Amino acid sequence: MFNNIVVFINFLSFVFILVGVDIKYNDNRIKIVHVTFFISFILVMLTSLISHNSIAYSLSQILEILCIICILLLFYILKKTNSLSNRANVVFIIFIVTQVIIIINQLFIR
């Protein structure tokens, strides 16, 4: 039950970040990191749907870590350039925390 709530909150914050609400994309670095995040997240979804063998699982975990790195980098760049509103700041933190919880949960299930 807790896992479903975390995944739902993660999904809502992901959509918020993906749409880019309250984020000013005035720097090329921000655009590059945002596109990298989007592509890696789509690849995570595709690898998790393909099969449940160990190669796909390992690839999925690597891409999940890449997603977290992209979000942390995006958060750092946006914070440094003062491009985040308070609401976007909270959403980034919620997404990072829920994503880490999901990955830790997946590692212990396997």
N, C-alpha and C. Protein backbone atom coordinates (compact mmCIF):
# COMPACT_ATOMS: atom_id res chain seq x y z
N MET A 1 0.82 -1.19 0.00
CA MET A 1 0.00 0.00 0.00
C MET A 1 0.87 1.26 0.00
N PHE A 2 1.88 1.29 0.87
CA PHE A 2 2.79 2.43 0.93
C PHE A 2 3.49 2.63 -0.40
N ASN A 3 3.90 1.51 -1.03
CA ASN A 3 4.60 1.59 -2.31
C ASN A 3 3.71 2.21 -3.38
N ASN A 4 2.42 1.87 -3.40
CA ASN A 4 1.50 2.44 -4.38
C ASN A 4 1.35 3.94 -4.20
N ILE A 5 1.30 4.39 -2.97
CA ILE A 5 1.18 5.82 -2.69
C ILE A 5 2.45 6.55 -3.15
N VAL A 6 3.60 5.97 -2.87
CA VAL A 6 4.87 6.58 -3.28
C VAL A 6 4.96 6.66 -4.80
N VAL A 7 4.56 5.60 -5.49
CA VAL A 7 4.60 5.60 -6.95
C VAL A 7 3.64 6.64 -7.51
N PHE A 8 2.47 6.78 -6.92
CA PHE A 8 1.51 7.78 -7.38
C PHE A 8 2.05 9.20 -7.19
N ILE A 9 2.60 9.48 -6.04
CA ILE A 9 3.18 10.80 -5.78
C ILE A 9 4.35 11.05 -6.73
N ASN A 10 5.16 10.02 -6.97
CA ASN A 10 6.27 10.13 -7.90
C ASN A 10 5.77 10.45 -9.30
N PHE A 11 4.70 9.79 -9.72
CA PHE A 11 4.14 10.04 -11.05
C PHE A 11 3.63 11.47 -11.17
N LEU A 12 2.93 11.95 -10.16
CA LEU A 12 2.42 13.32 -10.21
C LEU A 12 3.55 14.34 -10.30
N SER A 13 4.59 14.14 -9.50
CA SER A 13 5.71 15.07 -9.55
C SER A 13 6.47 14.94 -10.86
N PHE A 14 6.54 13.72 -11.42
CA PHE A 14 7.18 13.53 -12.72
C PHE A 14 6.45 14.31 -13.80
N VAL A 15 5.13 14.22 -13.82
CA VAL A 15 4.35 14.95 -14.82
C VAL A 15 4.56 16.45 -14.67
N PHE A 16 4.61 16.92 -13.45
CA PHE A 16 4.84 18.34 -13.18
C PHE A 16 6.19 18.78 -13.74
N ILE A 17 7.22 17.96 -13.52
CA ILE A 17 8.56 18.30 -14.01
C ILE A 17 8.62 18.17 -15.53
N LEU A 18 7.99 17.12 -16.07
CA LEU A 18 8.03 16.88 -17.51
C LEU A 18 7.36 18.01 -18.28
N VAL A 19 6.23 18.46 -17.78
CA VAL A 19 5.53 19.55 -18.44
C VAL A 19 6.30 20.86 -18.30
N GLY A 20 7.04 20.98 -17.23
CA GLY A 20 7.88 22.16 -17.04
C GLY A 20 7.15 23.34 -16.45
N VAL A 21 6.12 23.06 -15.66
CA VAL A 21 5.38 24.14 -15.02
C VAL A 21 6.30 24.85 -14.02
N ASP A 22 6.27 26.14 -14.04
CA ASP A 22 7.06 26.99 -13.13
C ASP A 22 8.56 26.85 -13.31
N ILE A 23 9.00 26.44 -14.49
CA ILE A 23 10.43 26.33 -14.76
C ILE A 23 10.75 27.22 -15.96
N LYS A 24 11.75 28.04 -15.82
CA LYS A 24 12.18 28.92 -16.92
C LYS A 24 13.36 28.27 -17.62
N TYR A 25 13.15 27.86 -18.86
CA TYR A 25 14.21 27.20 -19.62
C TYR A 25 14.98 28.22 -20.44
N ASN A 26 15.73 29.06 -19.77
CA ASN A 26 16.46 30.12 -20.45
C ASN A 26 17.92 29.77 -20.71
N ASP A 27 18.31 28.55 -20.43
CA ASP A 27 19.70 28.13 -20.59
C ASP A 27 19.72 26.82 -21.39
N ASN A 28 20.70 26.69 -22.28
CA ASN A 28 20.79 25.46 -23.08
C ASN A 28 21.12 24.24 -22.22
N ARG A 29 21.86 24.44 -21.14
CA ARG A 29 22.17 23.31 -20.24
C ARG A 29 20.90 22.73 -19.65
N ILE A 30 19.97 23.60 -19.30
CA ILE A 30 18.70 23.14 -18.73
C ILE A 30 17.93 22.32 -19.75
N LYS A 31 17.90 22.78 -20.99
CA LYS A 31 17.18 22.05 -22.03
C LYS A 31 17.82 20.69 -22.29
N ILE A 32 19.14 20.63 -22.32
CA ILE A 32 19.85 19.37 -22.57
C ILE A 32 19.59 18.37 -21.45
N VAL A 33 19.68 18.82 -20.22
CA VAL A 33 19.45 17.92 -19.08
C VAL A 33 18.00 17.47 -19.05
N HIS A 34 17.07 18.36 -19.36
CA HIS A 34 15.65 18.00 -19.37
C HIS A 34 15.36 16.96 -20.44
N VAL A 35 15.92 17.12 -21.62
CA VAL A 35 15.73 16.14 -22.70
C VAL A 35 16.38 14.81 -22.33
N THR A 36 17.56 14.84 -21.73
CA THR A 36 18.22 13.60 -21.29
C THR A 36 17.38 12.88 -20.25
N PHE A 37 16.82 13.63 -19.32
CA PHE A 37 15.94 13.04 -18.32
C PHE A 37 14.73 12.39 -18.97
N PHE A 38 14.11 13.09 -19.90
CA PHE A 38 12.91 12.57 -20.56
C PHE A 38 13.22 11.29 -21.33
N ILE A 39 14.31 11.28 -22.09
CA ILE A 39 14.68 10.10 -22.88
C ILE A 39 15.02 8.93 -21.97
N SER A 40 15.79 9.17 -20.92
CA SER A 40 16.15 8.07 -20.02
C SER A 40 14.93 7.54 -19.29
N PHE A 41 13.98 8.39 -18.95
CA PHE A 41 12.77 7.91 -18.28
C PHE A 41 11.93 7.06 -19.22
N ILE A 42 11.82 7.46 -20.48
CA ILE A 42 11.08 6.66 -21.47
C ILE A 42 11.77 5.32 -21.65
N LEU A 43 13.09 5.30 -21.71
CA LEU A 43 13.82 4.03 -21.85
C LEU A 43 13.64 3.14 -20.63
N VAL A 44 13.55 3.72 -19.45
CA VAL A 44 13.28 2.93 -18.24
C VAL A 44 11.92 2.25 -18.37
N MET A 45 10.93 3.00 -18.82
CA MET A 45 9.60 2.41 -18.97
C MET A 45 9.60 1.30 -20.02
N LEU A 46 10.30 1.50 -21.12
CA LEU A 46 10.34 0.48 -22.17
C LEU A 46 11.07 -0.78 -21.71
N THR A 47 12.19 -0.62 -21.01
CA THR A 47 12.92 -1.80 -20.54
C THR A 47 12.15 -2.54 -19.46
N SER A 48 11.37 -1.84 -18.68
CA SER A 48 10.59 -2.54 -17.66
C SER A 48 9.40 -3.28 -18.28
N LEU A 49 8.95 -2.84 -19.44
CA LEU A 49 7.84 -3.52 -20.11
C LEU A 49 8.30 -4.68 -20.99
N ILE A 50 9.54 -4.64 -21.46
CA ILE A 50 10.02 -5.65 -22.41
C ILE A 50 10.06 -7.03 -21.78
N SER A 51 10.84 -7.20 -20.77
CA SER A 51 10.93 -8.51 -20.12
C SER A 51 11.49 -8.33 -18.72
N HIS A 52 11.52 -9.43 -18.02
CA HIS A 52 12.02 -9.39 -16.65
C HIS A 52 13.31 -10.19 -16.50
N ASN A 53 14.11 -10.23 -17.54
CA ASN A 53 15.39 -10.93 -17.40
C ASN A 53 16.41 -10.01 -16.74
N SER A 54 17.54 -10.57 -16.41
CA SER A 54 18.52 -9.81 -15.62
C SER A 54 19.16 -8.66 -16.41
N ILE A 55 19.31 -8.81 -17.72
CA ILE A 55 19.92 -7.74 -18.52
C ILE A 55 18.99 -6.53 -18.57
N ALA A 56 17.70 -6.76 -18.82
CA ALA A 56 16.74 -5.66 -18.86
C ALA A 56 16.61 -5.01 -17.49
N TYR A 57 16.67 -5.82 -16.45
CA TYR A 57 16.58 -5.27 -15.09
C TYR A 57 17.80 -4.40 -14.78
N SER A 58 18.98 -4.87 -15.15
CA SER A 58 20.20 -4.09 -14.92
C SER A 58 20.18 -2.79 -15.71
N LEU A 59 19.75 -2.87 -16.96
CA LEU A 59 19.65 -1.67 -17.79
C LEU A 59 18.64 -0.69 -17.19
N SER A 60 17.54 -1.22 -16.71
CA SER A 60 16.52 -0.38 -16.09
C SER A 60 17.07 0.33 -14.85
N GLN A 61 17.84 -0.37 -14.04
CA GLN A 61 18.42 0.24 -12.84
C GLN A 61 19.44 1.33 -13.20
N ILE A 62 20.25 1.07 -14.22
CA ILE A 62 21.22 2.08 -14.66
C ILE A 62 20.50 3.32 -15.17
N LEU A 63 19.44 3.13 -15.93
CA LEU A 63 18.69 4.26 -16.44
C LEU A 63 17.96 5.01 -15.33
N GLU A 64 17.50 4.29 -14.32
CA GLU A 64 16.87 4.94 -13.16
C GLU A 64 17.88 5.85 -12.45
N ILE A 65 19.08 5.36 -12.30
CA ILE A 65 20.13 6.17 -11.67
C ILE A 65 20.46 7.38 -12.54
N LEU A 66 20.47 7.19 -13.87
CA LEU A 66 20.69 8.31 -14.79
C LEU A 66 19.57 9.34 -14.63
N CYS A 67 18.34 8.88 -14.45
CA CYS A 67 17.22 9.80 -14.22
C CYS A 67 17.44 10.63 -12.96
N ILE A 68 17.86 9.97 -11.91
CA ILE A 68 18.09 10.70 -10.65
C ILE A 68 19.22 11.70 -10.81
N ILE A 69 20.29 11.30 -11.50
CA ILE A 69 21.40 12.22 -11.73
C ILE A 69 20.94 13.42 -12.55
N CYS A 70 20.13 13.18 -13.59
CA CYS A 70 19.61 14.28 -14.41
C CYS A 70 18.74 15.22 -13.58
N ILE A 71 17.89 14.66 -12.74
CA ILE A 71 17.02 15.50 -11.92
C ILE A 71 17.84 16.31 -10.92
N LEU A 72 18.84 15.67 -10.30
CA LEU A 72 19.70 16.41 -9.37
C LEU A 72 20.46 17.52 -10.08
N LEU A 73 20.97 17.23 -11.27
CA LEU A 73 21.68 18.24 -12.05
C LEU A 73 20.74 19.36 -12.48
N LEU A 74 19.55 18.99 -12.93
CA LEU A 74 18.57 19.99 -13.32
C LEU A 74 18.17 20.86 -12.13
N PHE A 75 17.97 20.23 -11.00
CA PHE A 75 17.62 20.97 -9.77
C PHE A 75 18.75 21.92 -9.39
N TYR A 76 19.99 21.45 -9.47
CA TYR A 76 21.14 22.29 -9.13
C TYR A 76 21.25 23.49 -10.07
N ILE A 77 21.12 23.24 -11.38
CA ILE A 77 21.24 24.34 -12.35
C ILE A 77 20.11 25.36 -12.16
N LEU A 78 18.89 24.84 -11.99
CA LEU A 78 17.76 25.75 -11.82
C LEU A 78 17.85 26.53 -10.51
N LYS A 79 18.34 25.88 -9.48
CA LYS A 79 18.49 26.55 -8.18
C LYS A 79 19.57 27.63 -8.27
N LYS A 80 20.65 27.31 -8.98
CA LYS A 80 21.77 28.25 -9.11
C LYS A 80 21.37 29.49 -9.91
N THR A 81 20.50 29.31 -10.90
CA THR A 81 20.08 30.43 -11.73
C THR A 81 18.80 31.09 -11.24
N ASN A 82 18.31 30.67 -10.08
CA ASN A 82 17.07 31.21 -9.51
C ASN A 82 15.89 31.11 -10.47
N SER A 83 15.77 29.98 -11.15
CA SER A 83 14.71 29.77 -12.12
C SER A 83 13.54 28.96 -11.55
N LEU A 84 13.57 28.63 -10.27
CA LEU A 84 12.52 27.82 -9.67
C LEU A 84 11.64 28.65 -8.75
N SER A 85 10.35 28.39 -8.85
CA SER A 85 9.44 28.97 -7.86
C SER A 85 9.46 28.07 -6.63
N ASN A 86 8.83 28.50 -5.57
CA ASN A 86 8.79 27.68 -4.36
C ASN A 86 8.06 26.36 -4.60
N ARG A 87 6.98 26.40 -5.38
CA ARG A 87 6.22 25.19 -5.68
C ARG A 87 7.06 24.21 -6.49
N ALA A 88 7.78 24.70 -7.49
CA ALA A 88 8.63 23.82 -8.30
C ALA A 88 9.77 23.25 -7.47
N ASN A 89 10.29 24.03 -6.55
CA ASN A 89 11.35 23.57 -5.65
C ASN A 89 10.86 22.38 -4.82
N VAL A 90 9.67 22.48 -4.27
CA VAL A 90 9.10 21.39 -3.47
C VAL A 90 8.84 20.17 -4.33
N VAL A 91 8.35 20.37 -5.55
CA VAL A 91 8.07 19.24 -6.44
C VAL A 91 9.35 18.50 -6.79
N PHE A 92 10.42 19.20 -7.06
CA PHE A 92 11.70 18.54 -7.34
C PHE A 92 12.16 17.70 -6.15
N ILE A 93 12.05 18.24 -4.97
CA ILE A 93 12.47 17.50 -3.78
C ILE A 93 11.59 16.26 -3.58
N ILE A 94 10.28 16.41 -3.78
CA ILE A 94 9.37 15.27 -3.65
C ILE A 94 9.72 14.20 -4.68
N PHE A 95 9.99 14.62 -5.92
CA PHE A 95 10.32 13.64 -6.95
C PHE A 95 11.61 12.90 -6.62
N ILE A 96 12.62 13.62 -6.20
CA ILE A 96 13.90 12.99 -5.88
C ILE A 96 13.74 11.99 -4.74
N VAL A 97 13.04 12.38 -3.70
CA VAL A 97 12.86 11.48 -2.54
C VAL A 97 12.05 10.25 -2.93
N THR A 98 10.94 10.44 -3.65
CA THR A 98 10.13 9.27 -4.03
C THR A 98 10.85 8.37 -5.01
N GLN A 99 11.63 8.94 -5.90
CA GLN A 99 12.39 8.12 -6.84
C GLN A 99 13.43 7.28 -6.12
N VAL A 100 14.10 7.86 -5.15
CA VAL A 100 15.09 7.10 -4.37
C VAL A 100 14.40 5.99 -3.58
N ILE A 101 13.23 6.27 -3.01
CA ILE A 101 12.48 5.24 -2.28
C ILE A 101 12.10 4.10 -3.21
N ILE A 102 11.66 4.42 -4.41
CA ILE A 102 11.27 3.38 -5.37
C ILE A 102 12.46 2.52 -5.75
N ILE A 103 13.59 3.14 -6.02
CA ILE A 103 14.78 2.37 -6.42
C ILE A 103 15.26 1.49 -5.27
N ILE A 104 15.29 2.02 -4.07
CA ILE A 104 15.71 1.21 -2.92
C ILE A 104 14.75 0.04 -2.72
N ASN A 105 13.46 0.30 -2.88
CA ASN A 105 12.47 -0.76 -2.75
C ASN A 105 12.68 -1.84 -3.81
N GLN A 106 12.97 -1.45 -5.04
CA GLN A 106 13.21 -2.42 -6.11
C GLN A 106 14.46 -3.23 -5.85
N LEU A 107 15.48 -2.62 -5.30
CA LEU A 107 16.71 -3.35 -5.01
C LEU A 107 16.49 -4.41 -3.93
N PHE A 108 15.66 -4.10 -2.96
CA PHE A 108 15.41 -5.07 -1.89
C PHE A 108 14.43 -6.16 -2.30
N ILE A 109 13.56 -5.87 -3.26
CA ILE A 109 12.64 -6.89 -3.75
C ILE A 109 13.38 -7.93 -4.57
N ARG A 110 14.31 -7.51 -5.35
CA ARG A 110 15.09 -8.39 -6.23
C ARG A 110 15.94 -9.23 -5.38
